[in-house]
């Protein structure tokens, strides 16, 4: 008598999720690091432009002085973007190589990115409010409440938009099929 043939299930199809997220991570990391550095460069350019006009216009000098208080936060933000960009770049390479450390690093990045986004908003609330008050003193105090409300809504919306991709990473890269496809 011959052995009973056990029907096998369908062949396991490898998932493309690590490859897709690996590519997106690399592109997103490069763009994020570039935008962090461009942001600092733009602040320098704006300060230089306002500094040139500062000798001619009293308001421009006051604006540059108010703007100086915010510069340190721009440096901190750019530093976080570069560091997190390097982490995401490494995670993307790891995912393309189908390595488990790439998935773990990407999950670490996702949580870190959201924490940094919330932290930066909280860290810059006071200096941004003070900056707005100084700007309002230069040009009158019309619409001050509207500006504060718009800043709050903008901060919340910024956190939501920043968190979309990290949440997608957390959702897709924690699936069993993805974990099983990584070594």
N, C-alpha and C. Protein backbone atom coordinates (compact mmCIF):
# COMPACT_ATOMS: atom_id res chain seq x y z
N UNK A 1 0.83 -1.16 0.00
CA UNK A 1 0.00 0.00 0.00
C UNK A 1 0.88 1.24 0.00
N UNK A 2 0.53 2.21 -0.76
CA UNK A 2 1.32 3.44 -0.85
C UNK A 2 0.86 4.43 0.22
N UNK A 3 1.79 5.33 0.64
CA UNK A 3 1.42 6.30 1.67
C UNK A 3 0.33 7.25 1.18
N UNK A 4 -0.44 7.72 2.11
CA UNK A 4 -1.52 8.65 1.78
C UNK A 4 -0.91 10.00 1.45
N UNK A 5 -1.31 10.54 0.34
CA UNK A 5 -0.80 11.85 -0.07
C UNK A 5 -1.53 12.94 0.70
N UNK A 6 -0.77 13.76 1.36
CA UNK A 6 -1.35 14.89 2.10
C UNK A 6 -1.35 16.08 1.17
N UNK A 7 -2.53 16.62 0.93
CA UNK A 7 -2.56 17.79 0.03
C UNK A 7 -1.83 18.96 0.68
N UNK A 8 -1.00 19.56 -0.10
CA UNK A 8 -0.27 20.72 0.42
C UNK A 8 -1.05 21.98 0.09
N UNK A 9 -0.84 22.99 0.92
CA UNK A 9 -1.52 24.26 0.70
C UNK A 9 -0.92 24.97 -0.49
N UNK A 10 -1.48 26.09 -0.79
CA UNK A 10 -0.93 26.86 -1.92
C UNK A 10 0.50 27.29 -1.60
N UNK A 11 1.30 27.45 -2.62
CA UNK A 11 2.68 27.85 -2.38
C UNK A 11 2.73 29.22 -1.70
N UNK A 12 3.71 29.38 -0.84
CA UNK A 12 3.87 30.65 -0.14
C UNK A 12 4.43 31.67 -1.12
N UNK A 13 3.69 32.74 -1.29
CA UNK A 13 4.12 33.82 -2.18
C UNK A 13 4.82 34.87 -1.32
N UNK A 14 6.06 35.18 -1.64
CA UNK A 14 6.75 36.19 -0.83
C UNK A 14 6.06 37.55 -0.99
N UNK A 15 6.02 38.28 0.11
CA UNK A 15 5.38 39.59 0.09
C UNK A 15 6.34 40.65 -0.44
N UNK A 16 5.79 41.62 -1.12
CA UNK A 16 6.60 42.72 -1.68
C UNK A 16 6.66 43.91 -0.73
N UNK A 17 6.01 43.80 0.43
CA UNK A 17 5.93 44.93 1.36
C UNK A 17 7.32 45.42 1.78
N UNK A 18 8.26 44.52 2.16
CA UNK A 18 9.58 45.04 2.56
C UNK A 18 10.29 45.80 1.44
N UNK A 19 10.18 45.31 0.23
CA UNK A 19 10.82 45.98 -0.90
C UNK A 19 10.20 47.35 -1.15
N UNK A 20 8.89 47.41 -1.12
CA UNK A 20 8.19 48.68 -1.35
C UNK A 20 8.55 49.69 -0.28
N UNK A 21 8.47 49.27 0.99
CA UNK A 21 8.80 50.19 2.07
C UNK A 21 10.29 50.53 2.09
N UNK A 22 11.13 49.60 1.67
CA UNK A 22 12.56 49.89 1.58
C UNK A 22 12.83 51.02 0.60
N UNK A 23 12.22 50.95 -0.56
CA UNK A 23 12.40 51.99 -1.58
C UNK A 23 11.83 53.33 -1.09
N UNK A 24 10.62 53.28 -0.54
CA UNK A 24 10.00 54.51 -0.04
C UNK A 24 10.86 55.11 1.08
N UNK A 25 11.39 54.26 1.97
CA UNK A 25 12.23 54.75 3.07
C UNK A 25 13.45 55.51 2.54
N UNK A 26 14.09 54.95 1.54
CA UNK A 26 15.30 55.59 1.00
C UNK A 26 14.96 56.95 0.38
N UNK A 27 13.89 56.99 -0.40
CA UNK A 27 13.49 58.26 -1.03
C UNK A 27 13.05 59.26 0.04
N UNK A 28 12.23 58.82 0.98
CA UNK A 28 11.72 59.69 2.04
C UNK A 28 12.86 60.21 2.91
N UNK A 29 13.84 59.35 3.20
CA UNK A 29 14.98 59.76 4.02
C UNK A 29 15.80 60.83 3.32
N UNK A 30 16.09 60.62 2.05
CA UNK A 30 16.89 61.60 1.30
C UNK A 30 16.16 62.94 1.20
N UNK A 31 14.86 62.89 0.91
CA UNK A 31 14.09 64.13 0.82
C UNK A 31 14.01 64.82 2.18
N UNK A 32 13.80 64.06 3.24
CA UNK A 32 13.70 64.64 4.58
C UNK A 32 14.99 65.32 5.01
N UNK A 33 16.13 64.66 4.74
CA UNK A 33 17.41 65.27 5.11
C UNK A 33 17.66 66.53 4.28
N UNK A 34 17.34 66.47 2.99
CA UNK A 34 17.53 67.66 2.14
C UNK A 34 16.65 68.81 2.62
N UNK A 35 15.40 68.52 2.95
CA UNK A 35 14.49 69.58 3.38
C UNK A 35 14.93 70.18 4.72
N UNK A 36 15.48 69.36 5.59
CA UNK A 36 16.00 69.89 6.86
C UNK A 36 17.12 70.88 6.62
N UNK A 37 18.03 70.53 5.71
CA UNK A 37 19.16 71.41 5.42
C UNK A 37 18.72 72.63 4.61
N UNK A 38 17.77 72.45 3.70
CA UNK A 38 17.25 73.58 2.92
C UNK A 38 16.52 74.56 3.85
N UNK A 39 15.82 74.04 4.84
CA UNK A 39 15.13 74.90 5.79
C UNK A 39 16.09 75.81 6.54
N UNK A 40 17.21 75.25 6.98
CA UNK A 40 18.22 76.07 7.66
C UNK A 40 18.81 77.09 6.69
N UNK A 41 19.09 76.66 5.47
CA UNK A 41 19.62 77.58 4.45
C UNK A 41 18.64 78.71 4.15
N UNK A 42 17.36 78.38 4.08
CA UNK A 42 16.35 79.41 3.80
C UNK A 42 16.27 80.41 4.95
N UNK A 43 16.44 79.92 6.16
CA UNK A 43 16.41 80.85 7.30
C UNK A 43 17.61 81.80 7.25
N UNK A 44 18.78 81.27 6.88
CA UNK A 44 19.95 82.14 6.73
C UNK A 44 19.72 83.18 5.63
N UNK A 45 19.14 82.73 4.51
CA UNK A 45 18.89 83.65 3.40
C UNK A 45 17.89 84.73 3.80
N UNK A 46 16.83 84.35 4.51
CA UNK A 46 15.84 85.34 4.92
C UNK A 46 16.46 86.32 5.92
N UNK A 47 17.27 85.80 6.83
CA UNK A 47 17.92 86.68 7.81
C UNK A 47 18.86 87.66 7.10
N UNK A 48 19.59 87.17 6.08
CA UNK A 48 20.50 88.04 5.34
C UNK A 48 19.73 89.13 4.59
N UNK A 49 18.61 88.74 3.96
CA UNK A 49 17.80 89.71 3.24
C UNK A 49 17.24 90.77 4.19
N UNK A 50 16.74 90.32 5.31
CA UNK A 50 16.17 91.27 6.26
C UNK A 50 17.28 92.11 6.90
N UNK A 51 18.46 91.55 7.05
CA UNK A 51 19.59 92.30 7.61
C UNK A 51 20.02 93.42 6.68
N UNK A 52 19.96 93.18 5.39
CA UNK A 52 20.30 94.24 4.43
C UNK A 52 19.29 95.37 4.48
N UNK A 53 18.03 95.00 4.64
CA UNK A 53 16.99 96.03 4.72
C UNK A 53 16.95 96.66 6.11
N UNK A 54 17.60 96.02 7.08
CA UNK A 54 17.56 96.48 8.47
C UNK A 54 18.10 97.88 8.64
N UNK A 55 19.11 98.25 7.88
CA UNK A 55 19.65 99.60 8.01
C UNK A 55 18.68 100.65 7.53
N UNK A 56 17.80 100.28 6.63
CA UNK A 56 16.88 101.22 6.05
C UNK A 56 15.52 101.25 6.76
N UNK A 57 15.12 100.11 7.28
CA UNK A 57 13.79 100.00 7.85
C UNK A 57 13.90 99.51 9.29
N UNK A 58 13.34 100.27 10.20
CA UNK A 58 13.40 99.91 11.62
C UNK A 58 12.69 98.57 11.89
N UNK A 59 11.57 98.34 11.21
CA UNK A 59 10.81 97.11 11.41
C UNK A 59 11.61 95.88 11.00
N UNK A 60 12.42 96.00 9.97
CA UNK A 60 13.23 94.87 9.53
C UNK A 60 14.24 94.49 10.60
N UNK A 61 14.83 95.48 11.25
CA UNK A 61 15.79 95.19 12.32
C UNK A 61 15.10 94.48 13.48
N UNK A 62 13.90 94.92 13.83
CA UNK A 62 13.15 94.27 14.91
C UNK A 62 12.78 92.83 14.52
N UNK A 63 12.45 92.63 13.25
CA UNK A 63 12.10 91.30 12.76
C UNK A 63 13.30 90.37 12.87
N UNK A 64 14.48 90.84 12.47
CA UNK A 64 15.70 90.02 12.54
C UNK A 64 16.01 89.65 13.98
N UNK A 65 15.85 90.59 14.90
CA UNK A 65 16.10 90.29 16.32
C UNK A 65 15.11 89.24 16.84
N UNK A 66 13.85 89.35 16.46
CA UNK A 66 12.85 88.37 16.87
C UNK A 66 13.13 87.01 16.23
N UNK A 67 13.60 87.05 15.00
CA UNK A 67 13.87 85.83 14.24
C UNK A 67 15.06 85.07 14.83
N UNK A 68 16.04 85.78 15.39
CA UNK A 68 17.22 85.14 15.98
C UNK A 68 16.84 84.16 17.09
N UNK A 69 15.78 84.48 17.83
CA UNK A 69 15.36 83.60 18.91
C UNK A 69 14.86 82.25 18.39
N UNK A 70 14.34 82.23 17.18
CA UNK A 70 13.82 80.98 16.61
C UNK A 70 14.90 80.14 15.91
N UNK A 71 16.03 80.74 15.60
CA UNK A 71 17.06 80.03 14.83
C UNK A 71 17.55 78.76 15.52
N UNK A 72 17.72 78.78 16.83
CA UNK A 72 18.23 77.60 17.54
C UNK A 72 17.28 76.42 17.36
N UNK A 73 15.98 76.69 17.32
CA UNK A 73 15.00 75.62 17.13
C UNK A 73 15.05 75.06 15.71
N UNK A 74 15.40 75.90 14.77
CA UNK A 74 15.58 75.42 13.39
C UNK A 74 16.79 74.50 13.30
N UNK A 75 17.85 74.83 14.01
CA UNK A 75 19.03 73.96 14.04
C UNK A 75 18.69 72.61 14.67
N UNK A 76 17.96 72.65 15.78
CA UNK A 76 17.57 71.41 16.46
C UNK A 76 16.71 70.56 15.55
N UNK A 77 15.74 71.18 14.89
CA UNK A 77 14.85 70.46 13.99
C UNK A 77 15.63 69.85 12.83
N UNK A 78 16.54 70.61 12.25
CA UNK A 78 17.35 70.10 11.14
C UNK A 78 18.23 68.94 11.60
N UNK A 79 18.79 69.03 12.80
CA UNK A 79 19.62 67.95 13.32
C UNK A 79 18.80 66.68 13.49
N UNK A 80 17.59 66.81 14.04
CA UNK A 80 16.71 65.64 14.18
C UNK A 80 16.36 65.05 12.82
N UNK A 81 16.09 65.91 11.85
CA UNK A 81 15.74 65.41 10.51
C UNK A 81 16.89 64.65 9.88
N UNK A 82 18.11 65.13 10.06
CA UNK A 82 19.27 64.44 9.49
C UNK A 82 19.49 63.10 10.19
N UNK A 83 19.44 63.10 11.52
CA UNK A 83 19.65 61.85 12.27
C UNK A 83 18.57 60.83 11.93
N UNK A 84 17.31 61.27 11.97
CA UNK A 84 16.22 60.35 11.64
C UNK A 84 16.27 59.92 10.18
N UNK A 85 16.74 60.81 9.31
CA UNK A 85 16.90 60.45 7.91
C UNK A 85 17.94 59.36 7.72
N UNK A 86 19.04 59.44 8.45
CA UNK A 86 20.07 58.40 8.38
C UNK A 86 19.54 57.07 8.90
N UNK A 87 18.76 57.13 9.98
CA UNK A 87 18.16 55.90 10.52
C UNK A 87 17.21 55.29 9.49
N UNK A 88 16.38 56.12 8.88
CA UNK A 88 15.43 55.63 7.89
C UNK A 88 16.14 55.10 6.64
N UNK A 89 17.22 55.75 6.26
CA UNK A 89 18.01 55.28 5.12
C UNK A 89 18.57 53.88 5.39
N UNK A 90 19.13 53.70 6.57
CA UNK A 90 19.65 52.37 6.94
C UNK A 90 18.51 51.35 7.01
N UNK A 91 17.37 51.74 7.54
CA UNK A 91 16.22 50.83 7.60
C UNK A 91 15.76 50.44 6.20
N UNK A 92 15.76 51.39 5.29
CA UNK A 92 15.36 51.10 3.91
C UNK A 92 16.30 50.10 3.26
N UNK A 93 17.58 50.27 3.48
CA UNK A 93 18.56 49.33 2.93
C UNK A 93 18.35 47.95 3.55
N UNK A 94 18.12 47.91 4.86
CA UNK A 94 17.86 46.63 5.53
C UNK A 94 16.61 45.95 5.00
N UNK A 95 15.56 46.71 4.74
CA UNK A 95 14.34 46.12 4.20
C UNK A 95 14.56 45.60 2.78
N UNK A 96 15.33 46.32 1.98
CA UNK A 96 15.62 45.83 0.62
C UNK A 96 16.41 44.52 0.65
N UNK A 97 17.23 44.36 1.68
CA UNK A 97 17.99 43.12 1.84
C UNK A 97 17.19 42.06 2.59
N UNK A 98 15.94 42.39 2.91
CA UNK A 98 15.02 41.49 3.62
C UNK A 98 15.58 41.04 4.96
N UNK A 99 16.12 41.99 5.71
CA UNK A 99 16.70 41.71 7.02
C UNK A 99 15.72 42.16 8.12
N UNK A 100 15.66 41.37 9.17
CA UNK A 100 14.77 41.70 10.29
C UNK A 100 15.20 43.00 10.96
N UNK A 101 16.50 43.27 11.01
CA UNK A 101 16.95 44.51 11.65
C UNK A 101 16.44 45.73 10.89
N UNK A 102 16.22 45.60 9.59
CA UNK A 102 15.66 46.71 8.81
C UNK A 102 14.24 47.02 9.24
N UNK A 103 13.47 45.97 9.50
CA UNK A 103 12.10 46.15 9.97
C UNK A 103 12.10 46.79 11.36
N UNK A 104 12.95 46.29 12.25
CA UNK A 104 13.00 46.83 13.61
C UNK A 104 13.47 48.29 13.60
N UNK A 105 14.45 48.58 12.77
CA UNK A 105 14.95 49.95 12.68
C UNK A 105 13.88 50.89 12.12
N UNK A 106 13.11 50.40 11.17
CA UNK A 106 12.03 51.21 10.60
C UNK A 106 10.95 51.47 11.64
N UNK A 107 10.62 50.47 12.44
CA UNK A 107 9.62 50.66 13.49
C UNK A 107 10.14 51.64 14.54
N UNK A 108 11.43 51.54 14.88
CA UNK A 108 12.05 52.49 15.80
C UNK A 108 11.96 53.90 15.22
N UNK A 109 12.26 54.04 13.93
CA UNK A 109 12.18 55.35 13.27
C UNK A 109 10.75 55.89 13.32
N UNK A 110 9.76 55.03 13.05
CA UNK A 110 8.37 55.47 13.00
C UNK A 110 7.94 56.07 14.34
N UNK A 111 8.24 55.37 15.41
CA UNK A 111 7.88 55.87 16.73
C UNK A 111 8.68 57.14 17.04
N UNK A 112 9.98 57.11 16.75
CA UNK A 112 10.83 58.27 17.00
C UNK A 112 10.39 59.49 16.23
N UNK A 113 9.98 59.30 14.98
CA UNK A 113 9.56 60.44 14.14
C UNK A 113 8.33 61.12 14.73
N UNK A 114 7.37 60.32 15.19
CA UNK A 114 6.17 60.91 15.76
C UNK A 114 6.47 61.61 17.10
N UNK A 115 7.33 61.01 17.90
CA UNK A 115 7.71 61.62 19.18
C UNK A 115 8.44 62.94 18.94
N UNK A 116 9.34 62.96 17.97
CA UNK A 116 10.08 64.19 17.66
C UNK A 116 9.13 65.26 17.13
N UNK A 117 8.18 64.88 16.30
CA UNK A 117 7.23 65.87 15.76
C UNK A 117 6.43 66.53 16.88
N UNK A 118 5.90 65.73 17.79
CA UNK A 118 5.14 66.28 18.91
C UNK A 118 6.06 67.10 19.81
N UNK A 119 7.25 66.59 20.07
CA UNK A 119 8.21 67.30 20.92
C UNK A 119 8.61 68.65 20.35
N UNK A 120 8.85 68.71 19.06
CA UNK A 120 9.24 69.98 18.44
C UNK A 120 8.10 71.00 18.50
N UNK A 121 6.87 70.53 18.31
CA UNK A 121 5.73 71.46 18.41
C UNK A 121 5.64 72.01 19.83
N UNK A 122 5.77 71.13 20.82
CA UNK A 122 5.70 71.58 22.21
C UNK A 122 6.88 72.49 22.56
N UNK A 123 8.06 72.15 22.05
CA UNK A 123 9.26 72.93 22.33
C UNK A 123 9.20 74.33 21.73
N UNK A 124 8.56 74.46 20.59
CA UNK A 124 8.53 75.75 19.90
C UNK A 124 7.28 76.57 20.15
N UNK A 125 6.37 76.09 20.98
CA UNK A 125 5.15 76.86 21.24
C UNK A 125 5.46 78.25 21.80
N UNK A 126 6.22 78.30 22.87
CA UNK A 126 6.53 79.58 23.52
C UNK A 126 7.34 80.49 22.61
N UNK A 127 8.45 80.03 22.03
CA UNK A 127 9.23 80.93 21.17
C UNK A 127 8.44 81.43 19.95
N UNK A 128 7.60 80.57 19.40
CA UNK A 128 6.81 81.00 18.24
C UNK A 128 5.78 82.05 18.66
N UNK A 129 5.18 81.87 19.81
CA UNK A 129 4.22 82.86 20.32
C UNK A 129 4.92 84.20 20.56
N UNK A 130 6.11 84.15 21.16
CA UNK A 130 6.86 85.38 21.40
C UNK A 130 7.25 86.05 20.08
N UNK A 131 7.62 85.25 19.10
CA UNK A 131 7.95 85.78 17.78
C UNK A 131 6.73 86.48 17.17
N UNK A 132 5.57 85.82 17.27
CA UNK A 132 4.35 86.43 16.73
C UNK A 132 4.01 87.73 17.44
N UNK A 133 4.23 87.77 18.76
CA UNK A 133 3.96 89.00 19.50
C UNK A 133 4.87 90.13 19.04
N UNK A 134 6.15 89.83 18.81
CA UNK A 134 7.07 90.86 18.33
C UNK A 134 6.69 91.33 16.94
N UNK A 135 6.29 90.41 16.09
CA UNK A 135 5.87 90.78 14.74
C UNK A 135 4.60 91.63 14.81
N UNK A 136 3.69 91.27 15.69
CA UNK A 136 2.45 92.06 15.85
C UNK A 136 2.75 93.46 16.36
N UNK A 137 3.76 93.63 17.21
CA UNK A 137 4.14 94.95 17.70
C UNK A 137 4.64 95.82 16.56
N UNK A 138 5.25 95.20 15.58
CA UNK A 138 5.76 95.98 14.45
C UNK A 138 4.65 96.46 13.56
N UNK A 139 3.67 95.59 13.33
CA UNK A 139 2.64 95.94 12.35
C UNK A 139 1.27 96.11 12.95
N UNK A 140 1.15 96.37 14.22
CA UNK A 140 -0.16 96.49 14.84
C UNK A 140 -0.61 95.12 15.33
N UNK A 141 -1.62 95.11 16.19
CA UNK A 141 -2.04 93.86 16.81
C UNK A 141 -3.34 93.33 16.22
N UNK A 142 -3.65 93.66 14.99
CA UNK A 142 -4.86 93.15 14.38
C UNK A 142 -4.74 91.65 14.15
N UNK A 143 -5.80 90.98 14.37
CA UNK A 143 -5.94 89.55 14.12
C UNK A 143 -5.00 88.68 14.96
N UNK A 144 -4.61 89.12 16.15
CA UNK A 144 -3.69 88.34 16.98
C UNK A 144 -4.30 87.01 17.39
N UNK A 145 -5.58 87.02 17.78
CA UNK A 145 -6.23 85.77 18.17
C UNK A 145 -6.34 84.82 17.00
N UNK A 146 -6.64 85.35 15.82
CA UNK A 146 -6.72 84.51 14.64
C UNK A 146 -5.38 83.85 14.35
N UNK A 147 -4.30 84.60 14.49
CA UNK A 147 -2.97 84.05 14.23
C UNK A 147 -2.63 82.95 15.23
N UNK A 148 -2.99 83.12 16.49
CA UNK A 148 -2.71 82.10 17.50
C UNK A 148 -3.52 80.84 17.21
N UNK A 149 -4.78 81.01 16.82
CA UNK A 149 -5.61 79.86 16.48
C UNK A 149 -5.06 79.15 15.25
N UNK A 150 -4.66 79.92 14.25
CA UNK A 150 -4.11 79.33 13.04
C UNK A 150 -2.81 78.58 13.33
N UNK A 151 -2.01 79.11 14.24
CA UNK A 151 -0.77 78.43 14.63
C UNK A 151 -1.08 77.10 15.30
N UNK A 152 -2.08 77.07 16.18
CA UNK A 152 -2.46 75.84 16.86
C UNK A 152 -2.98 74.80 15.90
N UNK A 153 -3.86 75.22 15.00
CA UNK A 153 -4.41 74.30 14.00
C UNK A 153 -3.29 73.81 13.08
N UNK A 154 -2.41 74.71 12.70
CA UNK A 154 -1.28 74.32 11.84
C UNK A 154 -0.37 73.32 12.51
N UNK A 155 -0.14 73.50 13.79
CA UNK A 155 0.71 72.56 14.53
C UNK A 155 0.08 71.17 14.57
N UNK A 156 -1.21 71.12 14.87
CA UNK A 156 -1.90 69.83 14.93
C UNK A 156 -1.91 69.17 13.55
N UNK A 157 -2.22 69.93 12.53
CA UNK A 157 -2.25 69.37 11.17
C UNK A 157 -0.85 68.91 10.74
N UNK A 158 0.17 69.65 11.15
CA UNK A 158 1.54 69.24 10.83
C UNK A 158 1.88 67.90 11.45
N UNK A 159 1.48 67.71 12.71
CA UNK A 159 1.73 66.42 13.36
C UNK A 159 0.98 65.31 12.65
N UNK A 160 -0.26 65.57 12.26
CA UNK A 160 -1.06 64.55 11.55
C UNK A 160 -0.38 64.18 10.24
N UNK A 161 0.03 65.16 9.44
CA UNK A 161 0.65 64.86 8.16
C UNK A 161 1.99 64.16 8.32
N UNK A 162 2.77 64.59 9.30
CA UNK A 162 4.07 63.96 9.55
C UNK A 162 3.88 62.51 9.99
N UNK A 163 2.80 62.22 10.69
CA UNK A 163 2.59 60.89 11.26
C UNK A 163 1.99 59.88 10.28
N UNK A 164 1.54 60.31 9.12
CA UNK A 164 0.90 59.38 8.18
C UNK A 164 1.84 58.25 7.78
N UNK A 165 3.02 58.57 7.28
CA UNK A 165 3.93 57.51 6.83
C UNK A 165 4.43 56.65 7.99
N UNK A 166 4.81 57.22 9.14
CA UNK A 166 5.20 56.35 10.25
C UNK A 166 4.09 55.38 10.68
N UNK A 167 2.84 55.84 10.67
CA UNK A 167 1.74 54.95 11.04
C UNK A 167 1.60 53.83 9.99
N UNK A 168 1.75 54.18 8.72
CA UNK A 168 1.70 53.14 7.68
C UNK A 168 2.81 52.11 7.88
N UNK A 169 4.01 52.59 8.25
CA UNK A 169 5.11 51.66 8.55
C UNK A 169 4.75 50.74 9.70
N UNK A 170 4.19 51.30 10.76
CA UNK A 170 3.81 50.49 11.92
C UNK A 170 2.75 49.45 11.57
N UNK A 171 1.80 49.84 10.73
CA UNK A 171 0.71 48.92 10.37
C UNK A 171 1.21 47.80 9.46
N UNK A 172 1.90 48.16 8.39
CA UNK A 172 2.26 47.16 7.39
C UNK A 172 3.47 46.30 7.79
N UNK A 173 4.44 46.89 8.44
CA UNK A 173 5.67 46.14 8.75
C UNK A 173 5.54 45.25 9.97
N UNK A 174 4.43 45.33 10.69
CA UNK A 174 4.24 44.44 11.83
C UNK A 174 3.37 43.23 11.48
N UNK A 175 2.94 43.11 10.25
CA UNK A 175 2.13 41.96 9.84
C UNK A 175 2.97 40.69 9.86
N UNK A 176 2.32 39.58 10.17
CA UNK A 176 3.00 38.30 10.27
C UNK A 176 3.66 37.90 8.95
N UNK A 177 3.00 38.14 7.84
CA UNK A 177 3.57 37.75 6.55
C UNK A 177 4.86 38.51 6.27
N UNK A 178 4.93 39.76 6.72
CA UNK A 178 6.14 40.57 6.52
C UNK A 178 7.25 40.04 7.42
N UNK A 179 6.92 39.83 8.69
CA UNK A 179 7.94 39.32 9.63
C UNK A 179 8.47 37.97 9.17
N UNK A 180 7.59 37.12 8.65
CA UNK A 180 8.02 35.80 8.21
C UNK A 180 8.90 35.85 6.97
N UNK A 181 8.77 36.92 6.18
CA UNK A 181 9.56 37.02 4.95
C UNK A 181 10.96 37.59 5.20
N UNK A 182 11.21 38.06 6.41
CA UNK A 182 12.50 38.66 6.72
C UNK A 182 13.39 37.66 7.45
N UNK A 183 14.70 37.82 7.24
CA UNK A 183 15.63 36.91 7.94
C UNK A 183 16.46 37.65 8.96
